[in-house]
Amino acid sequence: MLRNILLVEDDEFLRAIMAEAVSMLGHVVTDRPSADQALIALEGLSPFSMVITDVRMPGRLDGLELAQTIWSRWPELPVIIMSANTVLPADFLPPNATFLTKPVHLDTLQDAIAALIPQEM
């Protein structure tokens, strides 16, 4: 079953690489360069199965604030937060979220996605 994953990354090169990686794992990718634009996409008509977001981004919201908004407005929507230079407190994440340190290996990304949105029977 194809899943539509919203990818939020401000770095154009990293966004393209991550979008390709998520596509290679068999998912449909919608990408946005900021948390502000991601919120517009989330409020649109296309349902998302997951959000993958970087932490540090320009704009009104950063990736952590985006994740917190998702958890309050769409609590069932899984979130993967990624960063090369952020450490999160152990109790920060709800059960349907995970944190990955960049750079992320494709197997690690695949395992995180599978853990948060398991295959349906």
C-alpha atoms as a PDB file:
ATOM      1  CA  MET A   1       0.000   0.000   0.000  1.00  0.00           C
ATOM      2  CA  LEU A   2       1.447   3.350  -1.045  1.00  0.00           C
ATOM      3  CA  ARG A   3       1.692   5.912   1.682  1.00  0.00           C
ATOM      4  CA  ASN A   4       1.917   9.652   1.176  1.00  0.00           C
ATOM      5  CA  ILE A   5       4.753  10.999   3.317  1.00  0.00           C
ATOM      6  CA  LEU A   6       5.264  14.717   3.867  1.00  0.00           C
ATOM      7  CA  LEU A   7       8.979  15.559   3.863  1.00  0.00           C
ATOM      8  CA  VAL A   8      10.009  18.916   5.356  1.00  0.00           C
ATOM      9  CA  GLU A   9      13.610  20.025   4.736  1.00  0.00           C
ATOM     10  CA  ASP A  10      14.874  23.511   3.929  1.00  0.00           C
ATOM     11  CA  ASP A  11      18.123  22.408   2.256  1.00  0.00           C
ATOM     12  CA  GLU A  12      17.209  21.818  -1.395  1.00  0.00           C
ATOM     13  CA  PHE A  13      19.914  19.190  -1.965  1.00  0.00           C
ATOM     14  CA  LEU A  14      19.081  17.215   1.196  1.00  0.00           C
ATOM     15  CA  ARG A  15      15.363  17.474   0.431  1.00  0.00           C
ATOM     16  CA  ALA A  16      15.945  15.964  -3.034  1.00  0.00           C
ATOM     17  CA  ILE A  17      18.120  13.153  -1.626  1.00  0.00           C
ATOM     18  CA  MET A  18      15.631  12.360   1.151  1.00  0.00           C
ATOM     19  CA  ALA A  19      12.683  12.458  -1.254  1.00  0.00           C
ATOM     20  CA  GLU A  20      14.487   9.996  -3.533  1.00  0.00           C
ATOM     21  CA  ALA A  21      15.292   7.735  -0.568  1.00  0.00           C
ATOM     22  CA  VAL A  22      11.692   7.707   0.671  1.00  0.00           C
ATOM     23  CA  SER A  23      10.479   7.049  -2.893  1.00  0.00           C
ATOM     24  CA  MET A  24      12.938   4.156  -3.204  1.00  0.00           C
ATOM     25  CA  LEU A  25      11.325   2.679  -0.094  1.00  0.00           C
ATOM     26  CA  GLY A  26       8.023   2.577  -1.992  1.00  0.00           C
ATOM     27  CA  HIS A  27       6.240   5.667  -0.711  1.00  0.00           C
ATOM     28  CA  VAL A  28       4.760   8.732  -2.369  1.00  0.00           C
ATOM     29  CA  VAL A  29       6.585  11.888  -1.260  1.00  0.00           C
ATOM     30  CA  THR A  30       5.266  15.410  -0.965  1.00  0.00           C
ATOM     31  CA  ASP A  31       8.084  17.759  -0.032  1.00  0.00           C
ATOM     32  CA  ARG A  32       8.068  21.246   1.409  1.00  0.00           C
ATOM     33  CA  PRO A  33      10.982  23.598   2.219  1.00  0.00           C
ATOM     34  CA  SER A  34       9.564  24.965   5.498  1.00  0.00           C
ATOM     35  CA  ALA A  35       7.343  24.087   8.432  1.00  0.00           C
ATOM     36  CA  ASP A  36       5.021  26.923   7.437  1.00  0.00           C
ATOM     37  CA  GLN A  37       4.484  25.386   3.990  1.00  0.00           C
ATOM     38  CA  ALA A  38       4.149  21.938   5.560  1.00  0.00           C
ATOM     39  CA  LEU A  39       1.241  23.170   7.678  1.00  0.00           C
ATOM     40  CA  ILE A  40      -0.494  24.455   4.548  1.00  0.00           C
ATOM     41  CA  ALA A  41      -0.069  20.991   2.985  1.00  0.00           C
ATOM     42  CA  LEU A  42      -1.353  19.268   6.140  1.00  0.00           C
ATOM     43  CA  GLU A  43      -4.451  21.470   6.108  1.00  0.00           C
ATOM     44  CA  GLY A  44      -5.117  20.579   2.448  1.00  0.00           C
ATOM     45  CA  LEU A  45      -7.158  17.771   0.970  1.00  0.00           C
ATOM     46  CA  SER A  46      -4.369  15.184   0.585  1.00  0.00           C
ATOM     47  CA  PRO A  47      -4.108  12.894   3.590  1.00  0.00           C
ATOM     48  CA  PHE A  48      -0.618  12.052   4.848  1.00  0.00           C
ATOM     49  CA  SER A  49       0.503   8.836   6.504  1.00  0.00           C
ATOM     50  CA  MET A  50       3.567  10.411   8.112  1.00  0.00           C
ATOM     51  CA  VAL A  51       5.663  13.571   8.396  1.00  0.00           C
ATOM     52  CA  ILE A  52       9.461  13.549   8.248  1.00  0.00           C
ATOM     53  CA  THR A  53      10.919  16.878   9.332  1.00  0.00           C
ATOM     54  CA  ASP A  54      14.267  18.514   9.908  1.00  0.00           C
ATOM     55  CA  VAL A  55      14.601  20.568  13.093  1.00  0.00           C
ATOM     56  CA  ARG A  56      16.317  23.778  12.057  1.00  0.00           C
ATOM     57  CA  MET A  57      14.508  25.672   9.322  1.00  0.00           C
ATOM     58  CA  PRO A  58      13.804  29.290   8.505  1.00  0.00           C
ATOM     59  CA  GLY A  59      10.282  30.617   8.882  1.00  0.00           C
ATOM     60  CA  ARG A  60       7.732  31.163  11.588  1.00  0.00           C
ATOM     61  CA  LEU A  61       8.055  27.574  12.896  1.00  0.00           C
ATOM     62  CA  ASP A  62      11.003  25.207  13.139  1.00  0.00           C
ATOM     63  CA  GLY A  63      10.684  21.430  12.874  1.00  0.00           C
ATOM     64  CA  LEU A  64      10.103  20.878  16.596  1.00  0.00           C
ATOM     65  CA  GLU A  65       7.323  23.450  16.636  1.00  0.00           C
ATOM     66  CA  LEU A  66       5.849  21.780  13.551  1.00  0.00           C
ATOM     67  CA  ALA A  67       5.935  18.412  15.337  1.00  0.00           C
ATOM     68  CA  GLN A  68       4.259  19.880  18.420  1.00  0.00           C
ATOM     69  CA  THR A  69       1.544  21.424  16.225  1.00  0.00           C
ATOM     70  CA  ILE A  70       0.994  18.055  14.536  1.00  0.00           C
ATOM     71  CA  TRP A  71       0.730  16.298  17.909  1.00  0.00           C
ATOM     72  CA  SER A  72      -1.921  18.767  19.068  1.00  0.00           C
ATOM     73  CA  ARG A  73      -3.949  18.935  15.825  1.00  0.00           C
ATOM     74  CA  TRP A  74      -3.371  15.486  14.288  1.00  0.00           C
ATOM     75  CA  PRO A  75      -2.322  13.302  17.236  1.00  0.00           C
ATOM     76  CA  GLU A  76      -2.509  10.054  15.253  1.00  0.00           C
ATOM     77  CA  LEU A  77      -0.088  11.262  12.543  1.00  0.00           C
ATOM     78  CA  PRO A  78       3.377   9.721  12.995  1.00  0.00           C
ATOM     79  CA  VAL A  79       6.387  12.049  12.897  1.00  0.00           C
ATOM     80  CA  ILE A  80      10.078  11.400  12.303  1.00  0.00           C
ATOM     81  CA  ILE A  81      12.264  14.282  13.477  1.00  0.00           C
ATOM     82  CA  MET A  82      15.789  14.475  12.063  1.00  0.00           C
ATOM     83  CA  SER A  83      18.766  16.637  12.956  1.00  0.00           C
ATOM     84  CA  ALA A  84      22.535  16.591  12.830  1.00  0.00           C
ATOM     85  CA  ASN A  85      22.961  18.862  15.833  1.00  0.00           C
ATOM     86  CA  THR A  86      19.925  18.612  18.114  1.00  0.00           C
ATOM     87  CA  VAL A  87      19.465  16.410  21.160  1.00  0.00           C
ATOM     88  CA  LEU A  88      15.960  15.788  22.463  1.00  0.00           C
ATOM     89  CA  PRO A  89      15.014  14.912  26.045  1.00  0.00           C
ATOM     90  CA  ALA A  90      13.998  11.255  26.440  1.00  0.00           C
ATOM     91  CA  ASP A  91      10.401  12.144  27.354  1.00  0.00           C
ATOM     92  CA  PHE A  92       9.920  14.700  24.550  1.00  0.00           C
ATOM     93  CA  LEU A  93       8.466  12.358  21.923  1.00  0.00           C
ATOM     94  CA  PRO A  94       5.027  10.741  21.960  1.00  0.00           C
ATOM     95  CA  PRO A  95       4.798   7.011  21.124  1.00  0.00           C
ATOM     96  CA  ASN A  96       4.114   7.651  17.419  1.00  0.00           C
ATOM     97  CA  ALA A  97       7.279   9.684  16.883  1.00  0.00           C
ATOM     98  CA  THR A  98      10.999   9.013  16.637  1.00  0.00           C
ATOM     99  CA  PHE A  99      14.209  10.982  16.371  1.00  0.00           C
ATOM    100  CA  LEU A 100      16.972  10.169  13.882  1.00  0.00           C
ATOM    101  CA  THR A 101      20.429  11.709  13.839  1.00  0.00           C
ATOM    102  CA  LYS A 102      21.661  12.902  10.442  1.00  0.00           C
ATOM    103  CA  PRO A 103      23.140  11.560   8.319  1.00  0.00           C
ATOM    104  CA  VAL A 104      20.515   8.825   8.212  1.00  0.00           C
ATOM    105  CA  HIS A 105      21.279   5.447   6.654  1.00  0.00           C
ATOM    106  CA  LEU A 106      18.567   4.139   4.311  1.00  0.00           C
ATOM    107  CA  ASP A 107      18.045   1.005   6.458  1.00  0.00           C
ATOM    108  CA  THR A 108      17.559   3.158   9.566  1.00  0.00           C
ATOM    109  CA  LEU A 109      15.009   5.311   7.760  1.00  0.00           C
ATOM    110  CA  GLN A 110      13.183   2.250   6.461  1.00  0.00           C
ATOM    111  CA  ASP A 111      13.060   0.719   9.955  1.00  0.00           C
ATOM    112  CA  ALA A 112      11.743   3.963  11.473  1.00  0.00           C
ATOM    113  CA  ILE A 113       9.005   4.287   8.857  1.00  0.00           C
ATOM    114  CA  ALA A 114       8.003   0.625   9.258  1.00  0.00           C
ATOM    115  CA  ALA A 115       7.892   0.967  13.051  1.00  0.00           C
ATOM    116  CA  LEU A 116       5.603   3.993  12.904  1.00  0.00           C
ATOM    117  CA  ILE A 117       3.321   2.943  10.041  1.00  0.00           C
ATOM    118  CA  PRO A 118       3.413  -0.869   9.972  1.00  0.00           C
ATOM    119  CA  GLN A 119       2.232  -2.747   6.904  1.00  0.00           C
ATOM    120  CA  GLU A 120      -1.458  -3.574   6.982  1.00  0.00           C
ATOM    121  CA  MET A 121      -2.537  -7.169   6.553  1.00  0.00           C
END
